[in-house]
C-alpha atoms as a PDB file:
ATOM      1  CA  MET A   1       0.000   0.000   0.000  1.00  0.00           C
ATOM      2  CA  SER A   2       1.383   3.399  -1.013  1.00  0.00           C
ATOM      3  CA  THR A   3       1.639   6.090   1.644  1.00  0.00           C
ATOM      4  CA  ILE A   4       0.797   9.688   0.713  1.00  0.00           C
ATOM      5  CA  LEU A   5       1.479  12.890   2.617  1.00  0.00           C
ATOM      6  CA  ILE A   6      -1.053  15.662   1.966  1.00  0.00           C
ATOM      7  CA  VAL A   7       0.374  19.133   2.626  1.00  0.00           C
ATOM      8  CA  GLU A   8      -2.386  21.737   2.484  1.00  0.00           C
ATOM      9  CA  ASP A   9      -3.229  24.669   4.750  1.00  0.00           C
ATOM     10  CA  ASP A  10      -6.971  24.681   4.012  1.00  0.00           C
ATOM     11  CA  ARG A  11      -8.697  22.314   6.431  1.00  0.00           C
ATOM     12  CA  MET A  12     -11.636  21.452   4.162  1.00  0.00           C
ATOM     13  CA  THR A  13      -9.369  20.733   1.188  1.00  0.00           C
ATOM     14  CA  ARG A  14      -7.190  18.485   3.367  1.00  0.00           C
ATOM     15  CA  HIS A  15     -10.267  16.570   4.489  1.00  0.00           C
ATOM     16  CA  VAL A  16     -11.595  16.086   0.970  1.00  0.00           C
ATOM     17  CA  LEU A  17      -8.240  14.941  -0.425  1.00  0.00           C
ATOM     18  CA  GLN A  18      -7.695  12.542   2.462  1.00  0.00           C
ATOM     19  CA  SER A  19     -11.210  11.079   2.174  1.00  0.00           C
ATOM     20  CA  VAL A  20     -10.861  10.445  -1.559  1.00  0.00           C
ATOM     21  CA  LEU A  21      -7.444   8.814  -1.201  1.00  0.00           C
ATOM     22  CA  ASN A  22      -8.396   6.701   1.832  1.00  0.00           C
ATOM     23  CA  GLY A  23     -11.484   5.534  -0.048  1.00  0.00           C
ATOM     24  CA  ALA A  24      -9.238   4.389  -2.906  1.00  0.00           C
ATOM     25  CA  GLY A  25      -7.119   2.289  -0.527  1.00  0.00           C
ATOM     26  CA  TYR A  26      -4.149   4.594   0.042  1.00  0.00           C
ATOM     27  CA  SER A  27      -2.597   5.267   3.434  1.00  0.00           C
ATOM     28  CA  THR A  28      -2.458   9.006   4.146  1.00  0.00           C
ATOM     29  CA  ARG A  29      -1.180  11.573   6.585  1.00  0.00           C
ATOM     30  CA  VAL A  30      -1.778  15.314   6.557  1.00  0.00           C
ATOM     31  CA  ALA A  31       0.258  18.435   7.308  1.00  0.00           C
ATOM     32  CA  SER A  32      -1.001  22.006   7.388  1.00  0.00           C
ATOM     33  CA  ASP A  33       2.231  23.658   6.216  1.00  0.00           C
ATOM     34  CA  GLY A  34       5.803  22.975   5.140  1.00  0.00           C
ATOM     35  CA  VAL A  35       7.164  22.845   8.684  1.00  0.00           C
ATOM     36  CA  GLU A  36       4.771  20.059   9.708  1.00  0.00           C
ATOM     37  CA  ALA A  37       5.451  18.264   6.439  1.00  0.00           C
ATOM     38  CA  LEU A  38       9.219  18.385   6.901  1.00  0.00           C
ATOM     39  CA  GLU A  39       8.864  16.913  10.412  1.00  0.00           C
ATOM     40  CA  ALA A  40       6.712  14.087   9.017  1.00  0.00           C
ATOM     41  CA  LEU A  41       9.169  13.406   6.177  1.00  0.00           C
ATOM     42  CA  GLN A  42      12.097  13.236   8.565  1.00  0.00           C
ATOM     43  CA  GLY A  43      10.332  10.617  10.682  1.00  0.00           C
ATOM     44  CA  ASP A  44       8.530   8.411   8.143  1.00  0.00           C
ATOM     45  CA  HIS A  45       8.694   7.141   4.584  1.00  0.00           C
ATOM     46  CA  PHE A  46       6.222   8.441   2.000  1.00  0.00           C
ATOM     47  CA  ASP A  47       5.832   7.361  -1.609  1.00  0.00           C
ATOM     48  CA  LEU A  48       4.150  10.592  -2.706  1.00  0.00           C
ATOM     49  CA  VAL A  49       3.600  14.125  -1.451  1.00  0.00           C
ATOM     50  CA  LEU A  50       0.625  16.221  -2.587  1.00  0.00           C
ATOM     51  CA  LEU A  51       1.925  19.730  -2.016  1.00  0.00           C
ATOM     52  CA  ASP A  52       0.117  23.053  -1.909  1.00  0.00           C
ATOM     53  CA  VAL A  53       2.248  26.098  -2.781  1.00  0.00           C
ATOM     54  CA  TRP A  54       1.191  29.053  -0.669  1.00  0.00           C
ATOM     55  CA  MET A  55       1.093  28.152   3.050  1.00  0.00           C
ATOM     56  CA  PRO A  56       2.187  29.853   6.292  1.00  0.00           C
ATOM     57  CA  ARG A  57       5.579  29.341   7.982  1.00  0.00           C
ATOM     58  CA  MET A  58       7.095  27.343   5.079  1.00  0.00           C
ATOM     59  CA  ASN A  59       5.504  27.343   1.623  1.00  0.00           C
ATOM     60  CA  GLY A  60       5.559  24.500  -0.863  1.00  0.00           C
ATOM     61  CA  LEU A  61       8.435  25.822  -2.951  1.00  0.00           C
ATOM     62  CA  GLU A  62      10.587  26.198   0.169  1.00  0.00           C
ATOM     63  CA  LEU A  63       9.750  22.632   1.169  1.00  0.00           C
ATOM     64  CA  LEU A  64      10.697  21.388  -2.305  1.00  0.00           C
ATOM     65  CA  ALA A  65      14.087  23.051  -1.916  1.00  0.00           C
ATOM     66  CA  GLN A  66      14.545  21.377   1.480  1.00  0.00           C
ATOM     67  CA  LEU A  67      13.761  17.989  -0.065  1.00  0.00           C
ATOM     68  CA  ARG A  68      16.823  18.219  -2.331  1.00  0.00           C
ATOM     69  CA  ALA A  69      18.909  16.976   0.601  1.00  0.00           C
ATOM     70  CA  HIS A  70      16.414  14.251   1.548  1.00  0.00           C
ATOM     71  CA  LYS A  71      17.969  10.787   1.026  1.00  0.00           C
ATOM     72  CA  ALA A  72      14.704   8.995   0.224  1.00  0.00           C
ATOM     73  CA  ARG A  73      12.977  11.842  -1.572  1.00  0.00           C
ATOM     74  CA  PRO A  74       9.351  11.011  -2.405  1.00  0.00           C
ATOM     75  CA  ARG A  75       7.696  12.015  -5.643  1.00  0.00           C
ATOM     76  CA  VAL A  76       5.951  15.373  -5.387  1.00  0.00           C
ATOM     77  CA  VAL A  77       2.791  16.586  -7.108  1.00  0.00           C
ATOM     78  CA  VAL A  78       2.381  20.342  -6.794  1.00  0.00           C
ATOM     79  CA  MET A  79      -1.216  21.552  -6.406  1.00  0.00           C
ATOM     80  CA  THR A  80      -1.791  25.234  -7.010  1.00  0.00           C
ATOM     81  CA  SER A  81      -4.261  27.802  -8.256  1.00  0.00           C
ATOM     82  CA  ASP A  82      -1.314  30.115  -8.954  1.00  0.00           C
ATOM     83  CA  ASP A  83      -0.690  30.070 -12.713  1.00  0.00           C
ATOM     84  CA  ALA A  84       2.203  32.534 -12.558  1.00  0.00           C
ATOM     85  CA  PRO A  85       5.011  31.233 -14.801  1.00  0.00           C
ATOM     86  CA  GLU A  86       7.563  31.999 -12.082  1.00  0.00           C
ATOM     87  CA  THR A  87       5.770  29.647  -9.663  1.00  0.00           C
ATOM     88  CA  LEU A  88       5.588  26.760 -12.136  1.00  0.00           C
ATOM     89  CA  LEU A  89       9.203  27.221 -13.229  1.00  0.00           C
ATOM     90  CA  LYS A  90      10.379  27.200  -9.615  1.00  0.00           C
ATOM     91  CA  ALA A  91       8.520  23.907  -9.162  1.00  0.00           C
ATOM     92  CA  VAL A  92      10.249  22.555 -12.280  1.00  0.00           C
ATOM     93  CA  ARG A  93      13.627  23.736 -10.973  1.00  0.00           C
ATOM     94  CA  GLU A  94      13.045  21.892  -7.700  1.00  0.00           C
ATOM     95  CA  GLN A  95      12.088  18.722  -9.614  1.00  0.00           C
ATOM     96  CA  ALA A  96       8.379  18.432  -8.880  1.00  0.00           C
ATOM     97  CA  PHE A  97       7.051  15.334 -10.637  1.00  0.00           C
ATOM     98  CA  LYS A  98       3.769  16.829 -11.848  1.00  0.00           C
ATOM     99  CA  TYR A  99       1.633  19.959 -11.495  1.00  0.00           C
ATOM    100  CA  VAL A 100      -2.158  20.090 -11.132  1.00  0.00           C
ATOM    101  CA  HIS A 101      -4.526  23.020 -10.843  1.00  0.00           C
ATOM    102  CA  LYS A 102      -6.734  23.514  -7.804  1.00  0.00           C
ATOM    103  CA  PRO A 103      -9.453  22.679  -7.146  1.00  0.00           C
ATOM    104  CA  VAL A 104      -8.584  19.081  -8.043  1.00  0.00           C
ATOM    105  CA  GLN A 105     -11.562  16.897  -8.870  1.00  0.00           C
ATOM    106  CA  PRO A 106     -11.622  13.362  -7.331  1.00  0.00           C
ATOM    107  CA  VAL A 107     -11.305  11.564 -10.680  1.00  0.00           C
ATOM    108  CA  GLU A 108      -8.358  13.755 -11.729  1.00  0.00           C
ATOM    109  CA  LEU A 109      -6.756  13.327  -8.299  1.00  0.00           C
ATOM    110  CA  LEU A 110      -6.863   9.531  -8.413  1.00  0.00           C
ATOM    111  CA  GLU A 111      -5.692   9.401 -12.027  1.00  0.00           C
ATOM    112  CA  THR A 112      -2.765  11.690 -11.201  1.00  0.00           C
ATOM    113  CA  VAL A 113      -1.775   9.666  -8.140  1.00  0.00           C
ATOM    114  CA  ARG A 114      -1.916   6.341 -10.006  1.00  0.00           C
ATOM    115  CA  THR A 115       0.073   7.718 -12.942  1.00  0.00           C
ATOM    116  CA  VAL A 116       2.800   9.263 -10.795  1.00  0.00           C
ATOM    117  CA  LEU A 117       3.212   6.220  -8.561  1.00  0.00           C
ATOM    118  CA  ALA A 118       3.402   3.894 -11.590  1.00  0.00           C
ATOM    119  CA  SER A 119       5.831   6.037 -13.592  1.00  0.00           C
ATOM    120  CA  PRO A 120       9.513   5.164 -13.901  1.00  0.00           C
ATOM    121  CA  GLU A 121      12.044   7.480 -12.299  1.00  0.00           C
ATOM    122  CA  LEU A 122      12.302  10.615 -14.412  1.00  0.00           C
ATOM    123  CA  MET A 123      15.431  12.377 -15.575  1.00  0.00           C
ATOM    124  CA  PRO A 124      15.628  15.949 -14.209  1.00  0.00           C
ATOM    125  CA  ILE A 125      14.721  19.021 -16.236  1.00  0.00           C
ATOM    126  CA  GLU A 126      17.289  21.779 -15.769  1.00  0.00           C
ATOM    127  CA  VAL A 127      16.061  25.375 -15.552  1.00  0.00           C
ATOM    128  CA  ILE A 128      18.750  27.731 -16.892  1.00  0.00           C
ATOM    129  CA  SER A 129      16.620  30.885 -16.817  1.00  0.00           C
ATOM    130  CA  ALA A 130      13.197  31.396 -15.250  1.00  0.00           C
ATOM    131  CA  LYS A 131      12.494  35.021 -16.178  1.00  0.00           C
ATOM    132  CA  PRO A 132       8.995  35.332 -17.695  1.00  0.00           C
ATOM    133  CA  ASP A 133      10.475  37.091 -20.742  1.00  0.00           C
ATOM    134  CA  TRP A 134      13.408  34.667 -21.068  1.00  0.00           C
ATOM    135  CA  VAL A 135      12.839  31.018 -20.180  1.00  0.00           C
ATOM    136  CA  GLU A 136      15.589  28.512 -20.927  1.00  0.00           C
ATOM    137  CA  LEU A 137      15.487  24.794 -20.156  1.00  0.00           C
ATOM    138  CA  VAL A 138      17.543  21.668 -20.769  1.00  0.00           C
ATOM    139  CA  VAL A 139      15.205  18.704 -21.224  1.00  0.00           C
ATOM    140  CA  PRO A 140      16.134  14.999 -21.443  1.00  0.00           C
ATOM    141  CA  CYS A 141      15.173  13.258 -24.682  1.00  0.00           C
ATOM    142  CA  THR A 142      12.190  11.327 -23.353  1.00  0.00           C
ATOM    143  CA  LEU A 143       8.494  11.546 -24.178  1.00  0.00           C
ATOM    144  CA  GLU A 144       7.747  11.763 -20.441  1.00  0.00           C
ATOM    145  CA  ALA A 145       9.867  14.924 -20.140  1.00  0.00           C
ATOM    146  CA  ALA A 146       8.078  16.423 -23.141  1.00  0.00           C
ATOM    147  CA  GLU A 147       4.701  15.737 -21.545  1.00  0.00           C
ATOM    148  CA  ARG A 148       5.854  17.279 -18.249  1.00  0.00           C
ATOM    149  CA  ILE A 149       7.134  20.497 -19.764  1.00  0.00           C
ATOM    150  CA  GLN A 150       4.398  21.259 -22.304  1.00  0.00           C
ATOM    151  CA  PRO A 151       1.727  22.443 -19.802  1.00  0.00           C
ATOM    152  CA  VAL A 152       4.329  24.585 -18.041  1.00  0.00           C
ATOM    153  CA  MET A 153       5.331  26.282 -21.296  1.00  0.00           C
ATOM    154  CA  ALA A 154       1.659  26.741 -22.184  1.00  0.00           C
ATOM    155  CA  GLU A 155       1.175  28.803 -19.022  1.00  0.00           C
ATOM    156  CA  LEU A 156       3.761  31.291 -20.301  1.00  0.00           C
ATOM    157  CA  ASP A 157       1.264  32.214 -23.017  1.00  0.00           C
ATOM    158  CA  ALA A 158      -1.911  31.914 -20.928  1.00  0.00           C
ATOM    159  CA  LYS A 159      -2.859  35.603 -21.224  1.00  0.00           C
ATOM    160  CA  LEU A 160      -2.532  35.732 -25.003  1.00  0.00           C
ATOM    161  CA  PRO A 161      -5.473  35.439 -27.424  1.00  0.00           C
ATOM    162  CA  ILE A 162      -6.614  31.845 -27.820  1.00  0.00           C
ATOM    163  CA  GLU A 163      -5.585  31.672 -31.490  1.00  0.00           C
ATOM    164  CA  VAL A 164      -2.037  32.656 -30.588  1.00  0.00           C
ATOM    165  CA  ARG A 165      -1.962  30.244 -27.638  1.00  0.00           C
ATOM    166  CA  ASP A 166      -3.215  27.321 -29.693  1.00  0.00           C
ATOM    167  CA  SER A 167      -0.923  27.888 -32.674  1.00  0.00           C
ATOM    168  CA  THR A 168       2.113  28.425 -30.438  1.00  0.00           C
ATOM    169  CA  ALA A 169       1.368  25.327 -28.346  1.00  0.00           C
ATOM    170  CA  TYR A 170       0.940  23.200 -31.474  1.00  0.00           C
ATOM    171  CA  ALA A 171       4.174  24.405 -33.054  1.00  0.00           C
ATOM    172  CA  PHE A 172       6.117  23.946 -29.826  1.00  0.00           C
ATOM    173  CA  ARG A 173       4.802  20.433 -29.291  1.00  0.00           C
ATOM    174  CA  GLU A 174       5.542  19.262 -32.841  1.00  0.00           C
ATOM    175  CA  LEU A 175       9.049  20.708 -32.958  1.00  0.00           C
ATOM    176  CA  LEU A 176       9.899  19.502 -29.449  1.00  0.00           C
ATOM    177  CA  LEU A 177       8.772  15.946 -30.237  1.00  0.00           C
ATOM    178  CA  ASN A 178      10.728  16.010 -33.508  1.00  0.00           C
ATOM    179  CA  ALA A 179      13.836  17.101 -31.586  1.00  0.00           C
ATOM    180  CA  ILE A 180      13.399  14.417 -28.919  1.00  0.00           C
ATOM    181  CA  GLU A 181      12.398  11.557 -31.239  1.00  0.00           C
ATOM    182  CA  TRP A 182      14.594  12.210 -34.274  1.00  0.00           C
ATOM    183  CA  GLY A 183      17.418  14.386 -32.930  1.00  0.00           C
ATOM    184  CA  GLY A 184      17.767  12.744 -29.518  1.00  0.00           C
ATOM    185  CA  ARG A 185      16.606   9.270 -30.585  1.00  0.00           C
ATOM    186  CA  LEU A 186      14.646   9.008 -27.307  1.00  0.00           C
ATOM    187  CA  ASP A 187      17.930   8.624 -25.430  1.00  0.00           C
ATOM    188  CA  PRO A 188      17.421   9.899 -21.840  1.00  0.00           C
ATOM    189  CA  ASN A 189      21.142  10.635 -21.559  1.00  0.00           C
ATOM    190  CA  ARG A 190      20.885  13.208 -24.363  1.00  0.00           C
ATOM    191  CA  THR A 191      19.184  16.577 -24.007  1.00  0.00           C
ATOM    192  CA  VAL A 192      17.290  19.207 -25.956  1.00  0.00           C
ATOM    193  CA  ARG A 193      17.810  22.894 -25.149  1.00  0.00           C
ATOM    194  CA  ILE A 194      14.708  25.071 -25.223  1.00  0.00           C
ATOM    195  CA  SER A 195      14.508  28.869 -25.116  1.00  0.00           C
ATOM    196  CA  CYS A 196      11.373  31.010 -25.067  1.00  0.00           C
ATOM    197  CA  LEU A 197      11.818  34.782 -25.429  1.00  0.00           C
ATOM    198  CA  ARG A 198       8.928  37.218 -25.218  1.00  0.00           C
ATOM    199  CA  THR A 199       8.671  40.900 -26.071  1.00  0.00           C
ATOM    200  CA  GLU A 200       5.648  43.143 -26.444  1.00  0.00           C
ATOM    201  CA  ARG A 201       5.581  42.378 -30.169  1.00  0.00           C
ATOM    202  CA  MET A 202       6.545  38.743 -30.515  1.00  0.00           C
ATOM    203  CA  LEU A 203       7.166  35.287 -29.090  1.00  0.00           C
ATOM    204  CA  LEU A 204      10.355  33.510 -30.137  1.00  0.00           C
ATOM    205  CA  TYR A 205      11.029  29.850 -29.432  1.00  0.00           C
ATOM    206  CA  ARG A 206      14.348  28.103 -30.106  1.00  0.00           C
ATOM    207  CA  ILE A 207      14.802  24.331 -29.883  1.00  0.00           C
ATOM    208  CA  ALA A 208      18.246  22.755 -30.313  1.00  0.00           C
ATOM    209  CA  ASP A 209      18.662  18.974 -30.414  1.00  0.00           C
ATOM    210  CA  PRO A 210      21.825  16.813 -30.174  1.00  0.00           C
ATOM    211  CA  GLY A 211      21.336  15.073 -33.513  1.00  0.00           C
ATOM    212  CA  PRO A 212      23.208  15.447 -36.807  1.00  0.00           C
ATOM    213  CA  GLY A 213      20.361  17.405 -38.412  1.00  0.00           C
ATOM    214  CA  PHE A 214      18.400  16.429 -41.494  1.00  0.00           C
ATOM    215  CA  ASN A 215      18.041  17.136 -45.178  1.00  0.00           C
ATOM    216  CA  ILE A 216      14.673  18.690 -45.996  1.00  0.00           C
ATOM    217  CA  ASP A 217      14.785  16.911 -49.367  1.00  0.00           C
ATOM    218  CA  ASP A 218      15.235  13.524 -47.688  1.00  0.00           C
ATOM    219  CA  LEU A 219      11.965  13.248 -45.766  1.00  0.00           C
ATOM    220  CA  PRO A 220       9.798  10.937 -47.887  1.00  0.00           C
ATOM    221  CA  HIS A 221       7.749  10.054 -44.791  1.00  0.00           C
ATOM    222  CA  ALA A 222       6.691  13.702 -44.249  1.00  0.00           C
ATOM    223  CA  ALA A 223       3.921  15.639 -45.979  1.00  0.00           C
ATOM    224  CA  ILE A 224       6.222  18.637 -46.410  1.00  0.00           C
ATOM    225  CA  SER A 225       8.076  16.687 -49.129  1.00  0.00           C
ATOM    226  CA  TYR A 226       4.923  16.560 -51.286  1.00  0.00           C
ATOM    227  CA  PRO A 227       3.549  20.120 -51.490  1.00  0.00           C
ATOM    228  CA  ASP A 228       1.207  19.190 -54.344  1.00  0.00           C
ATOM    229  CA  GLU A 229       0.149  15.820 -52.884  1.00  0.00           C
ATOM    230  CA  PRO A 230      -0.010  16.254 -49.109  1.00  0.00           C
ATOM    231  CA  VAL A 231      -1.132  12.665 -48.431  1.00  0.00           C
ATOM    232  CA  ALA A 232       1.402  10.932 -50.704  1.00  0.00           C
ATOM    233  CA  HIS A 233       3.734  10.380 -47.746  1.00  0.00           C
ATOM    234  CA  MET A 234       1.226   8.138 -45.973  1.00  0.00           C
ATOM    235  CA  GLU A 235       2.106   5.128 -48.136  1.00  0.00           C
ATOM    236  CA  VAL A 236       5.793   5.639 -47.279  1.00  0.00           C
ATOM    237  CA  ARG A 237       4.980   5.745 -43.574  1.00  0.00           C
ATOM    238  CA  MET A 238       2.890   2.596 -43.860  1.00  0.00           C
ATOM    239  CA  ASN A 239       5.713   0.752 -45.631  1.00  0.00           C
ATOM    240  CA  LYS A 240       8.214   1.888 -42.973  1.00  0.00           C
ATOM    241  CA  GLY A 241       5.919   0.857 -40.124  1.00  0.00           C
ATOM    242  CA  LEU A 242       5.696   4.427 -38.817  1.00  0.00           C
ATOM    243  CA  ARG A 243       2.742   5.742 -36.837  1.00  0.00           C
ATOM    244  CA  PRO A 244       0.100   7.727 -38.791  1.00  0.00           C
ATOM    245  CA  GLY A 245       0.999  11.386 -39.126  1.00  0.00           C
ATOM    246  CA  GLY A 246       3.784  13.201 -40.879  1.00  0.00           C
ATOM    247  CA  PHE A 247       1.940  16.514 -41.202  1.00  0.00           C
ATOM    248  CA  GLY A 248       3.841  18.240 -38.389  1.00  0.00           C
ATOM    249  CA  LEU A 249       6.405  20.345 -40.255  1.00  0.00           C
ATOM    250  CA  MET A 250       3.947  21.352 -42.955  1.00  0.00           C
ATOM    251  CA  THR A 251       1.337  22.389 -40.399  1.00  0.00           C
ATOM    252  CA  VAL A 252       3.873  24.220 -38.222  1.00  0.00           C
ATOM    253  CA  ARG A 253       5.053  26.209 -41.237  1.00  0.00           C
ATOM    254  CA  ALA A 254       1.455  27.292 -41.862  1.00  0.00           C
ATOM    255  CA  THR A 255       0.830  28.031 -38.180  1.00  0.00           C
ATOM    256  CA  VAL A 256       3.717  30.325 -37.214  1.00  0.00           C
ATOM    257  CA  ASP A 257       4.896  33.591 -38.736  1.00  0.00           C
ATOM    258  CA  GLU A 258       8.576  32.705 -39.138  1.00  0.00           C
ATOM    259  CA  LEU A 259      10.295  29.296 -39.164  1.00  0.00           C
ATOM    260  CA  ILE A 260      14.093  29.230 -39.443  1.00  0.00           C
ATOM    261  CA  TYR A 261      16.578  26.340 -39.265  1.00  0.00           C
ATOM    262  CA  ASN A 262      20.322  26.492 -38.833  1.00  0.00           C
ATOM    263  CA  GLU A 263      22.554  25.008 -41.541  1.00  0.00           C
ATOM    264  CA  LYS A 264      22.646  21.507 -40.045  1.00  0.00           C
ATOM    265  CA  ARG A 265      18.899  21.664 -39.278  1.00  0.00           C
ATOM    266  CA  ASN A 266      19.334  20.493 -35.712  1.00  0.00           C
ATOM    267  CA  GLU A 267      18.268  23.891 -34.336  1.00  0.00           C
ATOM    268  CA  VAL A 268      15.029  25.637 -35.162  1.00  0.00           C
ATOM    269  CA  VAL A 269      13.569  29.023 -34.309  1.00  0.00           C
ATOM    270  CA  PHE A 270       9.936  29.952 -34.733  1.00  0.00           C
ATOM    271  CA  VAL A 271       8.357  33.341 -34.233  1.00  0.00           C
ATOM    272  CA  LYS A 272       4.762  34.324 -33.564  1.00  0.00           C
ATOM    273  CA  TYR A 273       4.052  38.047 -33.857  1.00  0.00           C
ATOM    274  CA  LEU A 274       1.745  39.608 -31.275  1.00  0.00           C
ATOM    275  CA  THR A 275       1.240  42.742 -33.373  1.00  0.00           C
ATOM    276  CA  GLU A 276       1.357  43.369 -37.101  1.00  0.00           C
ATOM    277  CA  LYS A 277       4.951  43.415 -38.333  1.00  0.00           C
ATOM    278  CA  GLY A 278       6.076  47.000 -38.329  1.00  0.00           C
ATOM    279  CA  GLY A 279       3.022  48.061 -36.313  1.00  0.00           C
ATOM    280  CA  SER A 280       2.875  49.709 -32.917  1.00  0.00           C
END
């Protein structure tokens, strides 16, 4: 039986979380702030910590930092209603396993707990810069890391118009997965470097992978190679045993305002303008 520590300063929320988890067969303890939680962690073993962020005496981010020195560090799910990019990036920097928005519904809570407890140990994501206008990360080449970082990056653009948010999120996801799958070959010991720069007039994303690059004319499995027959690549993919798809690069090119590769094509920059080019 897995043991879960619930760290939450709101009494009613603590009660609800504990009731749901106990009803699902988990063993639980509760703490009302980071100080109580640290005392519990020093005395007992826990498989998972559900951690609120803003609490008296010691907040969740401070507790995460304290856990760096903990020999048997449990997995941590951060629960917060604070969507500020700085908060989420600090949680990433301190190696939180997952992030969920409060209030957490019972079904989502149990699904999150089961997923986190069943997941293999994750490689750390390194935060180089956490300024809202300049975010820089080093991400291991795993699909799990990509899934962890995408919702965090999406929060950077949360206040933008929905069309900009959706197109930026799509482009980022496709290019990140390309970098991890093709450039990094899904090798967790290799990394992809991500930068996101924001000004009043534009968003700029840069993704650099460790691979040798590619030749744009040597992608028979991708729709971008057949501008006049956008589904011709599907037969190639079928013959190669590849998953359905192959529209990523073509769709990204149509979605963003600028798409630029370096000479080797193992680094890509895309730009989304927030105002008309040359406008005020």
